[in-house]
Each structure stands twice: as structure tokens, then as C-alpha cells.
């Protein structure tokens, strides 16, 4: 998930939406009155009053970008997975690919040209037919450097060509089998809607016209979004419910209240706080988690001394009592990072450098770097679980003689400061690249892209070490042999671990709760949001 090069017409909030800082990490500053300010007809329907309706609570804002090419908002990405289709889609949990807008998957994923046939009779929600022109229009947008998803495609996808009225060809720069799953990011969009004047602004603001199983019926920012089954959908995963109402409630206590108690309005909620798990289970709800990339990372400003010295960065990571952080702040629902990737990732390997709790080693590294009387201001996003972890970091650093000041703050405010001056020492924040996929190339490029925004924040990407890393990553991307590709991936994961410029401290578990008396076939995701394409009413 690479962060693209900043461009003049990109807003800072667009980037944060893409990066998951606002979408995947949740914006916790909206107050509950805003979250419940929608009209009563859409935001206050009781769970038992309408048998055709499923009410869900999403713990993230629905007021961020809805343009599939420009967003990483947890709410809008989850919704778009019900509204739009890619040529290929992936199962939300297993990530196995299946044909969506096309009739079949390619038989040879090592080929440099893939031909797809569009599904006959596929329609947009306004009744018009899906055409090859819509596919070409979408990929023109996806490959445009101004879009935030373009870095997922530009390195390997050369062009998309018309064959005839129902067939298209994707032409690659080199064989890239991972493209099969990557294609699910490119939601096909109607040219006649979003190619019109102001179309992309409308998409950003919440206009959604797809070919998927659900059509959007109302969008009330900071309140709720409603959907209904699309009668003309003829694809592989049809709508299981006639209507859905997704409430946006970022306040954790209000979110829990909506799904608990005898008069609960919702049947399912994501982003369940760890402290409420036992309470909800005792009330009869099922609460299950998904382990994935969701993590807290530390990002160092290598342009500020002494953080240009790798030994200082390593020392601060070795000093953190991650076991205490997991037990106290995360209630056991986390694991200490042993690689940039979480242990469940198919490409995972334990890094050569693992930052186990070792205060003696931390002191030794600081002494070797000639650093004494260090004072650190740790800026952080005020996401609730991140805030819970901060005292452990401060106590750990103070214990090795590093005077630590904590500055948790609104995500937008924090990154506005960084955009304006980039005068910071260390930042703690949350991210989850799994919203886009599982492959290591995608995940690492999310943060480690030359010229990308994250690398600009770290002021590291012009270093010799960074240039060598980027070259190794490019070599791995182009390697057709999967065994050699994995070996190269492990090489650059070791470099990223050793350099400790932007690195995870803990990986956490995301929790989903639902009422088993009302919903079945729910599978919790390891990334923010929900997917109800295979769920059913009891």
C-alpha cells in the first residue's frame, strides 16, 4: 500500500484517508450528537421493527471520500464493496479471487497479457448497461498519477485495451501474478456518470452508482448511509437483505449501546472496544476477532538528531515493554511485532532484528551513539486504543533515562502540523493496509515508496540505505519465480526491521459483535468494516 507522491491538488485529508490514518484508524473526535444527527426515518429504526432491514453500526466516519480511487475510509471502502465490483473480486476473509464483472479468471497468471470477457447483462444502478468503455474509463483513472490508488498499479500495468464490445485486455510490463487479487482495488465505475463535469467531486462527496448487489439509497454524512438490494444484479454474490442501514458512530460507548440491551437497534457492530467484549458476550451476542496487519507504529524524523542514528531508533524500540502494553492496554488482544508483517500473513518471516523488551540493550545502544539526557516528545493520534498504549511507552522510555512527553491529538491536527513544518521527533499512529490486500509488495509500498508522503515525513528516502531498499523491493516485484520473490521479500523486510524508520510496535485484533438470533454466517474481518454479502437473517 504505497503512499503516492504528494501533488499540488491533493489535500492532506485525501492522503490521510488513503493511508488509513483517518479511515482505518478511526476518527474519534466526532461527538455522538453528530453521529446520531440523521433523520429519524433512517437512523432510528429498531432492529425488530422491520424484518427486511439489517441495521449495522460502523465505528468509523462516513463523511470522508467515497471515490473508490481516492479513499481508504473504512466506512466507504466497506460500503463500496457492496455497491461496486472489480473485474475480479476477492473473498473478504480468505482473499481468494473470483470473477465478478467478468466471466472467468485468467488461466495463465504468469502471462503478460490477460483477456477478460464482461458478464453479459451487467447493469449500472441507473439501469444502463456496463460497457467496455466503462472499464477503459476506470483504468485511465486508476493509472493516473493524481489518484491515490495508482501506485498499486503503475509499476506492473502498462495499459488496458479494447478487444471488442465485451472483451478487454490488460497488458503488463512484466509477469505479475499478484495482479489477480490486486484487481479488486479497481472498482469499475460508469463513464456516463463520473466522466461528466464534476463527476469525481460528486463521487468524493458520496454519489455512488455501481453494478454491485446493493444500491445506495441515502447518504447522511456523520449519521448513516442506507442501501437496498439491486433487483437487476446478475453477478455471483447477490444481496441477502432487502435493505441495510449503516450507522456511523465513532464514539465507542454509543456504538456499544446501539447493539446491546433488549431494545438494541442494530444486529451487528464493528470496532468493538476490548473492555466491552465480556459484557456483550454475557448479553447473548457473539464477539469474535480477526488478526491481521492492524498495528501501532512509530515513525521517526531522521532529519532531526539524534534520530538520524539507527542505534537511537533501535534503542527506543527495544525499551518498550510490549508485554505490559498488550496485557494492560489491549486486554490481551495483540502481539508484539516480530516483522513488519503480522504472523498470519502468507509472506511472513521473523525478521533478523526483533525488538524484544530489553532495557539494558536500549541503554547500551544509546551509550554507543553518544546520546545522554535525551528528551523525546511523542506525538500521537488520539485513537482510543493508541491512547491506551501511550503510558506504557512513556514509562518504558523514562525508565532508561529518556524524558518523555506525550502529545496525543486529533489526527487531522497532528498531520496538519507535520505538513506545515515537519518539525517533530517521533509519531505514534495506527494503520491497516489489509483493507487493500494481503500481498507484501502492496503492504510495504503503502509506507515505503520513494517520494511518497510517509517517506517525506521521515526524511529518510534520499539516504543510501533507502535507495538500496527501494531497489531490492523493485527487484522482488519483478521476480517471476515465487520462491525467489519470497526470499527477496524477506531480505527487504530484514532491512526495514533493522533501519526502524517507520515500524510496528504491536499488531492488534479487530473485534466484531453480532446478534446470533438475528444474523448468521457472519465472518469477522481482520481490517476495519464489515462485509454482509454472505450473511443471512435467522
Protein backbone atom coordinates (compact mmCIF):
# COMPACT_ATOMS: atom_id res chain seq x y z
CA UNK A 1 0.00 0.00 0.00
CA UNK A 2 2.23 2.64 -1.17
CA UNK A 3 1.74 6.27 -0.40
CA UNK A 4 1.82 8.25 -3.60
CA UNK A 5 3.96 11.25 -4.29
CA UNK A 6 2.25 14.34 -2.96
CA UNK A 7 0.81 16.52 -5.68
CA UNK A 8 -0.36 20.10 -5.53
CA UNK A 9 -4.02 19.24 -5.93
CA UNK A 10 -4.03 16.53 -3.25
CA UNK A 11 -5.43 17.69 0.04
CA UNK A 12 -3.77 16.44 3.20
CA UNK A 13 -7.06 14.84 4.24
CA UNK A 14 -7.20 12.94 0.93
CA UNK A 15 -3.85 11.42 1.74
CA UNK A 16 -4.84 10.57 5.28
CA UNK A 17 -8.00 8.90 4.01
CA UNK A 18 -5.89 6.85 1.64
CA UNK A 19 -3.31 5.96 4.22
CA UNK A 20 -5.91 4.72 6.64
CA UNK A 21 -4.97 7.26 9.29
CA UNK A 22 -8.49 8.63 9.25
CA UNK A 23 -10.30 5.68 7.71
CA UNK A 24 -8.62 2.63 9.14
CA UNK A 25 -7.61 4.13 12.45
CA UNK A 26 -10.93 5.87 13.09
CA UNK A 27 -11.52 9.49 13.79
CA UNK A 28 -12.56 9.66 17.39
CA UNK A 29 -13.17 13.38 17.59
CA UNK A 30 -16.68 13.46 16.19
CA UNK A 31 -19.18 13.74 19.01
CA UNK A 32 -22.12 11.47 19.48
CA UNK A 33 -24.72 14.09 18.65
CA UNK A 34 -23.18 14.39 15.21
CA UNK A 35 -23.16 10.63 14.82
CA UNK A 36 -26.88 10.42 15.56
CA UNK A 37 -28.00 13.54 13.76
CA UNK A 38 -29.61 11.80 10.77
CA UNK A 39 -33.34 11.81 10.16
CA UNK A 40 -35.34 9.52 12.38
CA UNK A 41 -36.65 7.58 9.43
CA UNK A 42 -33.16 6.28 8.65
CA UNK A 43 -31.12 6.39 11.86
CA UNK A 44 -33.61 5.25 14.49
CA UNK A 45 -35.22 2.15 13.06
CA UNK A 46 -35.44 -0.57 15.71
CA UNK A 47 -33.81 -3.86 14.87
CA UNK A 48 -37.01 -5.83 15.35
CA UNK A 49 -39.49 -3.49 13.66
CA UNK A 50 -38.61 -4.20 10.03
CA UNK A 51 -37.88 -7.79 9.07
CA UNK A 52 -36.49 -6.69 5.70
CA UNK A 53 -33.88 -4.38 7.28
CA UNK A 54 -30.43 -5.07 8.68
CA UNK A 55 -29.00 -2.30 10.84
CA UNK A 56 -25.23 -2.17 11.31
CA UNK A 57 -23.03 0.09 13.41
CA UNK A 58 -19.74 1.11 11.83
CA UNK A 59 -17.16 2.58 14.17
CA UNK A 60 -15.75 4.99 11.60
CA UNK A 61 -16.90 8.17 9.90
CA UNK A 62 -18.98 8.07 6.71
CA UNK A 63 -18.13 11.69 5.85
CA UNK A 64 -14.80 11.02 4.13
CA UNK A 65 -14.16 10.44 0.42
CA UNK A 66 -16.40 7.88 -1.32
CA UNK A 67 -14.39 7.91 -4.56
CA UNK A 68 -13.02 4.33 -4.81
CA UNK A 69 -9.84 5.63 -6.50
CA UNK A 70 -9.12 8.17 -3.75
CA UNK A 71 -10.12 6.70 -0.40
CA UNK A 72 -9.06 4.43 2.42
CA UNK A 73 -12.02 5.38 4.62
CA UNK A 74 -13.08 2.24 6.46
CA UNK A 75 -16.76 3.09 6.10
CA UNK A 76 -16.76 4.00 2.42
CA UNK A 77 -14.46 1.13 1.41
CA UNK A 78 -16.72 -1.39 3.16
CA UNK A 79 -19.79 0.18 1.57
CA UNK A 80 -18.19 0.30 -1.88
CA UNK A 81 -17.54 -3.45 -1.66
CA UNK A 82 -21.34 -3.86 -1.64
CA UNK A 83 -22.03 -1.19 -4.29
CA UNK A 84 -19.28 -1.66 -6.89
CA UNK A 85 -17.48 -4.57 -8.50
CA UNK A 86 -13.99 -5.02 -9.84
CA UNK A 87 -13.29 -7.20 -12.82
CA UNK A 88 -12.13 -9.62 -10.15
CA UNK A 89 -13.13 -9.60 -6.50
CA UNK A 90 -11.67 -11.42 -3.51
CA UNK A 91 -13.37 -13.10 -0.59
CA UNK A 92 -13.25 -10.63 2.32
CA UNK A 93 -11.62 -13.14 4.70
CA UNK A 94 -9.76 -15.79 2.67
CA UNK A 95 -8.91 -13.28 -0.09
CA UNK A 96 -9.42 -15.98 -2.71
CA UNK A 97 -10.18 -14.33 -6.06
CA UNK A 98 -13.35 -14.93 -8.03
CA UNK A 99 -14.72 -13.44 -11.28
CA UNK A 100 -17.03 -10.51 -10.56
CA UNK A 101 -17.75 -8.30 -13.59
CA UNK A 102 -16.08 -10.86 -15.85
CA UNK A 103 -16.95 -14.43 -16.78
CA UNK A 104 -13.72 -16.19 -15.78
CA UNK A 105 -10.31 -15.76 -14.18
CA UNK A 106 -7.20 -15.87 -16.40
CA UNK A 107 -5.83 -19.37 -16.89
CA UNK A 108 -2.18 -18.27 -17.00
CA UNK A 109 -1.36 -15.69 -14.33
CA UNK A 110 2.28 -15.65 -15.47
CA UNK A 111 1.28 -14.21 -18.86
CA UNK A 112 1.90 -10.54 -19.62
CA UNK A 113 -1.50 -10.12 -21.31
CA UNK A 114 -4.76 -11.09 -19.62
CA UNK A 115 -8.04 -11.12 -21.57
CA UNK A 116 -11.37 -10.71 -19.78
CA UNK A 117 -14.94 -11.06 -21.04
CA UNK A 118 -17.54 -8.85 -19.35
CA UNK A 119 -20.53 -10.53 -17.74
CA UNK A 120 -23.48 -10.39 -20.08
CA UNK A 121 -26.41 -8.31 -18.85
CA UNK A 122 -24.47 -6.46 -16.14
CA UNK A 123 -26.18 -3.14 -15.39
CA UNK A 124 -25.44 0.01 -13.51
CA UNK A 125 -27.80 1.00 -10.73
CA UNK A 126 -29.34 3.62 -13.02
CA UNK A 127 -30.31 0.88 -15.48
CA UNK A 128 -27.68 1.45 -18.16
CA UNK A 129 -25.54 -1.43 -19.41
CA UNK A 130 -21.96 -1.90 -18.22
CA UNK A 131 -19.65 -1.49 -21.23
CA UNK A 132 -16.02 -1.92 -22.19
CA UNK A 133 -15.82 1.87 -22.32
CA UNK A 134 -16.56 1.94 -18.59
CA UNK A 135 -13.65 -0.42 -17.96
CA UNK A 136 -11.26 1.70 -20.05
CA UNK A 137 -12.52 4.86 -18.35
CA UNK A 138 -11.90 3.37 -14.90
CA UNK A 139 -8.38 2.18 -15.63
CA UNK A 140 -7.47 5.52 -17.20
CA UNK A 141 -8.36 6.98 -13.83
CA UNK A 142 -6.60 4.24 -11.84
CA UNK A 143 -3.34 4.70 -13.77
CA UNK A 144 -3.42 8.48 -13.44
CA UNK A 145 -0.69 9.56 -11.03
CA UNK A 146 -3.13 12.00 -9.44
CA UNK A 147 -5.18 9.15 -7.94
CA UNK A 148 -4.30 7.63 -4.63
CA UNK A 149 -4.59 4.00 -5.78
CA UNK A 150 -2.37 4.48 -8.81
CA UNK A 151 0.77 3.30 -7.03
CA UNK A 152 -0.86 -0.11 -6.62
CA UNK A 153 -0.96 -0.47 -10.42
CA UNK A 154 1.54 1.73 -12.26
CA UNK A 155 4.61 -0.44 -11.66
CA UNK A 156 3.17 -3.51 -13.41
CA UNK A 157 0.12 -2.47 -15.51
CA UNK A 158 1.06 -0.90 -18.84
CA UNK A 159 -2.37 -0.39 -20.41
CA UNK A 160 -5.92 -1.70 -20.76
CA UNK A 161 -7.17 -2.18 -24.32
CA UNK A 162 -10.50 -2.79 -26.01
CA UNK A 163 -10.74 -6.07 -27.94
CA UNK A 164 -14.41 -5.76 -28.88
CA UNK A 165 -17.70 -4.79 -27.25
CA UNK A 166 -17.40 -7.41 -24.48
CA UNK A 167 -13.69 -8.12 -24.18
CA UNK A 168 -10.73 -6.20 -22.77
CA UNK A 169 -7.03 -6.95 -22.44
CA UNK A 170 -4.74 -5.96 -19.60
CA UNK A 171 -1.15 -5.58 -20.77
CA UNK A 172 1.61 -5.84 -18.14
CA UNK A 173 5.17 -4.52 -18.07
CA UNK A 174 6.28 -7.90 -16.70
CA UNK A 175 4.59 -11.03 -15.33
CA UNK A 176 2.80 -10.18 -12.10
CA UNK A 177 0.58 -12.96 -10.72
CA UNK A 178 -0.32 -10.85 -7.66
CA UNK A 179 -2.35 -8.69 -10.05
CA UNK A 180 -5.23 -11.14 -9.78
CA UNK A 181 -6.04 -10.10 -6.21
CA UNK A 182 -4.87 -6.53 -6.74
CA UNK A 183 -7.62 -6.02 -9.36
CA UNK A 184 -10.24 -5.98 -6.61
CA UNK A 185 -9.00 -2.50 -5.67
CA UNK A 186 -10.02 -1.13 -9.10
CA UNK A 187 -13.80 -0.79 -8.76
CA UNK A 188 -15.28 -0.36 -12.23
CA UNK A 189 -17.24 2.90 -12.46
CA UNK A 190 -19.73 4.20 -15.07
CA UNK A 191 -18.25 6.66 -17.55
CA UNK A 192 -21.58 8.35 -18.22
CA UNK A 193 -21.89 9.25 -14.52
CA UNK A 194 -18.39 10.06 -13.32
CA UNK A 195 -16.98 11.17 -16.65
CA UNK A 196 -19.43 14.08 -16.68
CA UNK A 197 -18.39 17.52 -15.47
CA UNK A 198 -17.93 17.45 -11.70
CA UNK A 199 -18.29 13.67 -11.63
CA UNK A 200 -15.28 12.91 -9.48
CA UNK A 201 -16.20 15.62 -6.99
CA UNK A 202 -19.63 14.03 -6.74
CA UNK A 203 -18.02 10.63 -6.13
CA UNK A 204 -15.90 12.08 -3.38
CA UNK A 205 -18.97 13.59 -1.75
CA UNK A 206 -20.95 10.35 -1.62
CA UNK A 207 -22.50 9.79 -5.05
CA UNK A 208 -22.26 6.07 -5.74
CA UNK A 209 -23.53 4.31 -8.86
CA UNK A 210 -22.20 0.79 -9.21
CA UNK A 211 -23.05 -2.59 -10.68
CA UNK A 212 -22.96 -4.47 -7.40
CA UNK A 213 -25.67 -6.22 -5.37
CA UNK A 214 -26.68 -3.14 -3.36
CA UNK A 215 -27.54 0.36 -4.48
CA UNK A 216 -27.11 3.41 -2.26
CA UNK A 217 -30.45 4.99 -1.34
CA UNK A 218 -29.46 7.75 1.10
CA UNK A 219 -26.25 9.24 2.43
CA UNK A 220 -26.27 11.42 5.54
CA UNK A 221 -22.68 12.36 6.46
CA UNK A 222 -21.82 11.84 10.13
CA UNK A 223 -25.07 9.95 10.60
CA UNK A 224 -25.89 6.99 8.37
CA UNK A 225 -25.95 5.53 4.88
CA UNK A 226 -28.75 3.30 3.56
CA UNK A 227 -28.83 0.63 0.85
CA UNK A 228 -31.34 -1.60 -0.88
CA UNK A 229 -30.95 -4.77 -2.92
CA UNK A 230 -30.41 -4.07 -6.64
CA UNK A 231 -33.06 -6.09 -8.47
CA UNK A 232 -31.16 -6.27 -11.76
CA UNK A 233 -27.91 -7.57 -10.29
CA UNK A 234 -26.90 -10.79 -12.04
CA UNK A 235 -23.46 -11.38 -10.52
CA UNK A 236 -22.03 -14.11 -8.29
CA UNK A 237 -22.85 -12.72 -4.82
CA UNK A 238 -26.42 -11.46 -4.67
CA UNK A 239 -27.87 -9.28 -1.91
CA UNK A 240 -29.11 -11.32 1.06
CA UNK A 241 -31.14 -8.47 2.58
CA UNK A 242 -33.73 -6.17 1.05
CA UNK A 243 -32.47 -3.12 2.95
CA UNK A 244 -29.48 -2.10 5.03
CA UNK A 245 -28.93 0.90 7.29
CA UNK A 246 -25.33 1.54 8.36
CA UNK A 247 -24.97 3.93 11.29
CA UNK A 248 -21.72 5.86 11.62
CA UNK A 249 -20.87 6.04 15.33
CA UNK A 250 -17.25 6.71 16.19
CA UNK A 251 -17.90 7.13 19.93
CA UNK A 252 -17.23 3.70 21.42
CA UNK A 253 -19.74 3.86 24.30
CA UNK A 254 -22.56 4.96 21.99
CA UNK A 255 -21.59 2.26 19.50
CA UNK A 256 -21.79 -0.44 22.16
CA UNK A 257 -25.13 0.92 23.40
CA UNK A 258 -26.65 0.60 19.92
CA UNK A 259 -26.07 -3.14 19.82
CA UNK A 260 -26.63 -4.09 23.47
CA UNK A 261 -29.70 -4.43 25.63
CA UNK A 262 -33.23 -5.63 24.96
CA UNK A 263 -34.06 -2.65 22.74
CA UNK A 264 -30.88 -2.81 20.66
CA UNK A 265 -31.39 -1.14 17.28
CA UNK A 266 -28.53 -2.87 15.48
CA UNK A 267 -27.75 -6.51 14.79
CA UNK A 268 -24.02 -6.08 14.11
CA UNK A 269 -21.24 -3.67 15.03
CA UNK A 270 -17.53 -3.50 14.23
CA UNK A 271 -14.62 -1.90 16.11
CA UNK A 272 -15.73 -3.28 19.47
CA UNK A 273 -13.62 -1.99 22.39
CA UNK A 274 -11.72 -4.73 24.20
CA UNK A 275 -13.15 -3.60 27.54
CA UNK A 276 -16.71 -4.36 26.38
CA UNK A 277 -16.17 -7.87 25.00
CA UNK A 278 -17.21 -9.78 28.14
CA UNK A 279 -20.22 -7.52 28.70
CA UNK A 280 -21.53 -8.11 25.18
CA UNK A 281 -20.93 -11.85 25.34
CA UNK A 282 -22.87 -12.08 28.61
CA UNK A 283 -25.78 -10.28 26.94
CA UNK A 284 -26.01 -13.03 24.32
CA UNK A 285 -24.02 -11.50 21.48
CA UNK A 286 -21.26 -13.26 19.59
CA UNK A 287 -17.99 -11.34 19.68
CA UNK A 288 -15.13 -12.55 17.51
CA UNK A 289 -11.93 -11.03 16.20
CA UNK A 290 -9.70 -11.08 13.19
CA UNK A 291 -5.92 -10.97 13.46
CA UNK A 292 -4.18 -9.01 10.73
CA UNK A 293 -1.99 -6.02 9.97
CA UNK A 294 -3.83 -3.61 12.26
CA UNK A 295 -0.93 -2.06 14.13
CA UNK A 296 0.52 0.81 16.06
CA UNK A 297 3.74 2.06 14.51
CA UNK A 298 6.41 4.53 15.50
CA UNK A 299 7.68 6.92 12.84
CA UNK A 300 10.96 8.80 13.38
CA UNK A 301 12.07 12.08 11.89
CA UNK A 302 15.53 11.10 10.67
CA UNK A 303 16.18 14.73 9.73
CA UNK A 304 16.27 15.60 13.44
CA UNK A 305 19.20 14.49 15.60
CA UNK A 306 19.73 12.06 17.19
CA UNK A 307 17.06 10.12 15.27
CA UNK A 308 19.29 10.04 12.20
CA UNK A 309 21.31 7.44 14.11
CA UNK A 310 19.81 3.96 13.66
CA UNK A 311 21.04 2.97 17.12
CA UNK A 312 18.81 5.58 18.74
CA UNK A 313 15.76 4.40 16.81
CA UNK A 314 16.52 0.81 17.74
CA UNK A 315 17.09 1.72 21.40
CA UNK A 316 13.66 3.31 21.73
CA UNK A 317 12.01 0.20 20.28
CA UNK A 318 13.98 -2.21 22.48
CA UNK A 319 12.97 -0.15 25.53
CA UNK A 320 9.19 -0.66 25.13
CA UNK A 321 7.57 -3.21 27.45
CA UNK A 322 5.29 -4.63 24.78
CA UNK A 323 4.05 -7.49 27.01
CA UNK A 324 2.72 -4.98 29.54
CA UNK A 325 1.18 -2.92 26.70
CA UNK A 326 -0.65 -5.97 25.35
CA UNK A 327 -1.85 -7.13 28.78
CA UNK A 328 -2.95 -3.75 30.12
CA UNK A 329 -3.90 -1.56 27.17
CA UNK A 330 -5.04 -4.23 24.71
CA UNK A 331 -6.52 -6.72 27.21
CA UNK A 332 -4.50 -9.49 25.57
CA UNK A 333 -5.78 -8.82 22.04
CA UNK A 334 -2.45 -8.11 20.41
CA UNK A 335 1.00 -9.45 19.67
CA UNK A 336 4.43 -7.86 19.70
CA UNK A 337 5.77 -7.24 16.21
CA UNK A 338 8.43 -9.67 15.04
CA UNK A 339 8.39 -8.33 11.48
CA UNK A 340 6.72 -5.52 9.60
CA UNK A 341 4.15 -8.14 8.54
CA UNK A 342 1.87 -9.81 11.05
CA UNK A 343 2.48 -13.50 11.69
CA UNK A 344 -0.72 -14.55 9.85
CA UNK A 345 0.46 -13.01 6.57
CA UNK A 346 1.41 -15.61 3.90
CA UNK A 347 4.75 -13.86 3.31
CA UNK A 348 5.64 -13.52 6.99
CA UNK A 349 9.07 -14.46 8.28
CA UNK A 350 10.58 -13.49 11.61
CA UNK A 351 12.94 -10.58 10.97
CA UNK A 352 16.63 -10.82 11.81
CA UNK A 353 16.11 -7.83 14.11
CA UNK A 354 13.31 -8.35 16.63
CA UNK A 355 12.69 -5.66 19.24
CA UNK A 356 12.01 -7.75 22.32
CA UNK A 357 11.81 -5.90 25.62
CA UNK A 358 15.46 -5.29 26.52
CA UNK A 359 16.07 -2.07 28.50
CA UNK A 360 19.75 -2.98 29.06
CA UNK A 361 20.33 -3.23 25.34
CA UNK A 362 18.46 0.03 24.81
CA UNK A 363 20.78 1.81 27.26
CA UNK A 364 23.82 0.25 25.60
CA UNK A 365 22.73 1.45 22.14
CA UNK A 366 22.17 4.99 23.41
CA UNK A 367 25.59 4.98 25.04
CA UNK A 368 27.22 3.68 21.83
CA UNK A 369 25.52 6.52 19.95
CA UNK A 370 26.91 9.01 22.49
CA UNK A 371 23.39 10.12 23.48
CA UNK A 372 22.74 11.29 27.04
CA UNK A 373 19.93 13.27 28.69
CA UNK A 374 17.63 12.65 25.72
CA UNK A 375 14.19 14.24 25.84
CA UNK A 376 11.51 13.00 23.44
CA UNK A 377 8.13 14.46 22.57
CA UNK A 378 5.95 11.63 21.32
CA UNK A 379 3.13 12.96 19.17
CA UNK A 380 0.26 10.54 18.62
CA UNK A 381 -3.18 10.20 17.08
CA UNK A 382 -5.91 10.13 19.71
CA UNK A 383 -7.45 6.87 18.58
CA UNK A 384 -8.68 5.27 21.80
CA UNK A 385 -6.56 2.11 21.79
CA UNK A 386 -3.45 4.07 20.75
CA UNK A 387 -4.04 6.46 23.64
CA UNK A 388 -4.28 3.46 25.97
CA UNK A 389 -0.83 2.27 24.80
CA UNK A 390 0.98 5.59 25.24
CA UNK A 391 1.57 5.45 29.03
CA UNK A 392 3.47 2.17 28.65
CA UNK A 393 5.76 3.77 26.06
CA UNK A 394 6.36 6.81 28.24
CA UNK A 395 7.08 4.71 31.35
CA UNK A 396 9.41 2.45 29.35
CA UNK A 397 11.40 5.35 27.93
CA UNK A 398 11.56 7.20 31.23
CA UNK A 399 12.92 4.00 32.81
CA UNK A 400 16.02 4.10 30.56
CA UNK A 401 16.60 7.79 31.25
CA UNK A 402 14.74 9.24 28.23
CA UNK A 403 12.47 12.03 29.44
CA UNK A 404 9.22 11.55 27.56
CA UNK A 405 6.38 13.98 26.91
CA UNK A 406 3.17 12.63 25.39
CA UNK A 407 1.17 14.73 22.93
CA UNK A 408 -1.91 12.79 21.75
CA UNK A 409 -4.11 14.89 19.49
CA UNK A 410 -6.68 14.85 16.76
CA UNK A 411 -5.34 13.05 13.70
CA UNK A 412 -6.05 15.97 11.39
CA UNK A 413 -4.38 18.45 13.73
CA UNK A 414 -1.30 16.26 14.10
CA UNK A 415 -0.70 15.86 10.39
CA UNK A 416 -1.51 19.48 9.67
CA UNK A 417 1.39 20.39 11.94
CA UNK A 418 3.64 17.93 10.16
CA UNK A 419 2.59 19.16 6.73
CA UNK A 420 3.27 22.74 7.69
CA UNK A 421 6.66 22.29 9.33
CA UNK A 422 7.51 18.56 9.73
CA UNK A 423 9.21 19.66 12.95
CA UNK A 424 8.69 16.57 15.08
CA UNK A 425 10.70 13.82 16.72
CA UNK A 426 8.56 10.67 16.94
CA UNK A 427 4.94 9.92 16.00
CA UNK A 428 2.77 7.01 17.13
CA UNK A 429 -0.15 6.18 14.86
CA UNK A 430 -2.30 3.31 13.59
CA UNK A 431 -2.68 1.74 10.18
CA UNK A 432 -4.12 -1.34 8.49
CA UNK A 433 -3.08 -1.94 4.86
CA UNK A 434 -5.17 -5.12 4.76
CA UNK A 435 -8.12 -3.04 3.59
CA UNK A 436 -6.45 -3.24 0.18
CA UNK A 437 -4.94 -6.71 0.29
CA UNK A 438 -2.51 -9.17 1.80
CA UNK A 439 0.44 -9.27 -0.58
CA UNK A 440 3.68 -8.00 0.88
CA UNK A 441 4.51 -5.76 -2.08
CA UNK A 442 1.29 -3.84 -1.63
CA UNK A 443 1.60 -3.61 2.16
CA UNK A 444 5.19 -2.39 2.24
CA UNK A 445 4.82 0.08 -0.60
CA UNK A 446 1.99 1.63 1.35
CA UNK A 447 4.62 3.30 3.53
CA UNK A 448 7.95 2.72 1.79
CA UNK A 449 7.65 4.47 -1.57
CA UNK A 450 10.39 6.86 -2.78
CA UNK A 451 8.98 10.35 -2.82
CA UNK A 452 5.86 9.19 -1.01
CA UNK A 453 4.30 11.20 1.77
CA UNK A 454 5.34 8.85 4.57
CA UNK A 455 8.93 8.87 3.37
CA UNK A 456 8.83 12.65 3.14
CA UNK A 457 7.69 12.74 6.76
CA UNK A 458 10.63 10.54 7.79
CA UNK A 459 13.14 12.47 5.64
CA UNK A 460 14.86 9.16 5.03
CA UNK A 461 14.21 8.21 1.41
CA UNK A 462 17.22 10.06 -0.02
CA UNK A 463 19.62 8.04 2.14
CA UNK A 464 21.83 5.31 0.70
CA UNK A 465 20.04 2.73 2.86
CA UNK A 466 16.67 3.80 1.49
CA UNK A 467 17.81 3.73 -2.13
CA UNK A 468 19.17 0.22 -1.65
CA UNK A 469 15.89 -0.83 -0.05
CA UNK A 470 13.77 0.55 -2.89
CA UNK A 471 15.96 -1.22 -5.46
CA UNK A 472 15.53 -4.51 -3.59
CA UNK A 473 11.76 -4.01 -3.42
CA UNK A 474 11.62 -3.34 -7.18
CA UNK A 475 13.66 -6.49 -7.80
CA UNK A 476 11.20 -8.52 -5.74
CA UNK A 477 8.21 -7.03 -7.58
CA UNK A 478 9.62 -8.08 -10.95
CA UNK A 479 10.77 -11.55 -9.88
CA UNK A 480 8.55 -14.14 -11.62
CA UNK A 481 9.69 -17.13 -9.56
CA UNK A 482 7.62 -17.20 -6.37
CA UNK A 483 10.32 -18.86 -4.25
CA UNK A 484 12.93 -16.26 -5.22
CA UNK A 485 10.36 -13.48 -4.82
CA UNK A 486 9.66 -14.60 -1.27
CA UNK A 487 13.37 -14.74 -0.47
CA UNK A 488 13.82 -11.17 -1.76
CA UNK A 489 10.78 -10.08 0.24
CA UNK A 490 12.31 -11.48 3.41
CA UNK A 491 15.54 -9.64 2.58
CA UNK A 492 13.86 -6.26 2.40
CA UNK A 493 11.74 -6.99 5.46
CA UNK A 494 15.02 -7.52 7.34
CA UNK A 495 16.31 -4.16 6.09
CA UNK A 496 13.12 -2.37 7.16
CA UNK A 497 13.32 -4.01 10.61
CA UNK A 498 16.97 -3.08 11.08
CA UNK A 499 16.53 0.52 9.98
CA UNK A 500 13.45 1.08 12.19
CA UNK A 501 12.36 4.28 10.45
CA UNK A 502 8.64 3.51 10.38
CA UNK A 503 7.97 0.27 12.21
CA UNK A 504 5.15 -1.56 14.04
CA UNK A 505 5.27 -2.00 17.80
CA UNK A 506 2.23 -4.26 18.14
CA UNK A 507 -0.29 -5.90 15.85
CA UNK A 508 -3.83 -5.95 17.24
CA UNK A 509 -7.04 -7.90 16.81
CA UNK A 510 -10.17 -6.17 15.49
CA UNK A 511 -13.42 -7.25 17.13
CA UNK A 512 -16.91 -7.59 15.63
CA UNK A 513 -20.10 -8.26 17.60
CA UNK A 514 -23.42 -9.54 16.28
CA UNK A 515 -26.71 -10.98 17.47
CA UNK A 516 -26.73 -14.71 16.54
CA UNK A 517 -30.52 -14.79 16.99
CA UNK A 518 -30.87 -12.34 14.12
CA UNK A 519 -27.85 -12.88 11.85
CA UNK A 520 -25.87 -15.91 10.77
CA UNK A 521 -22.88 -16.66 8.51
CA UNK A 522 -21.01 -13.61 9.84
CA UNK A 523 -17.23 -13.72 9.44
CA UNK A 524 -15.26 -11.04 11.31
CA UNK A 525 -12.61 -9.23 9.30
CA UNK A 526 -9.04 -8.51 10.31
CA UNK A 527 -9.39 -5.00 8.90
CA UNK A 528 -11.96 -2.24 9.56
CA UNK A 529 -15.52 -2.50 8.32
CA UNK A 530 -17.92 -5.37 7.63
CA UNK A 531 -18.95 -7.47 4.66
CA UNK A 532 -22.53 -8.80 4.57
CA UNK A 533 -22.56 -10.32 1.09
CA UNK A 534 -22.77 -13.84 2.53
CA UNK A 535 -24.58 -13.13 5.79
CA UNK A 536 -28.22 -14.14 6.34
CA UNK A 537 -31.16 -13.32 8.61
CA UNK A 538 -32.05 -16.05 11.08
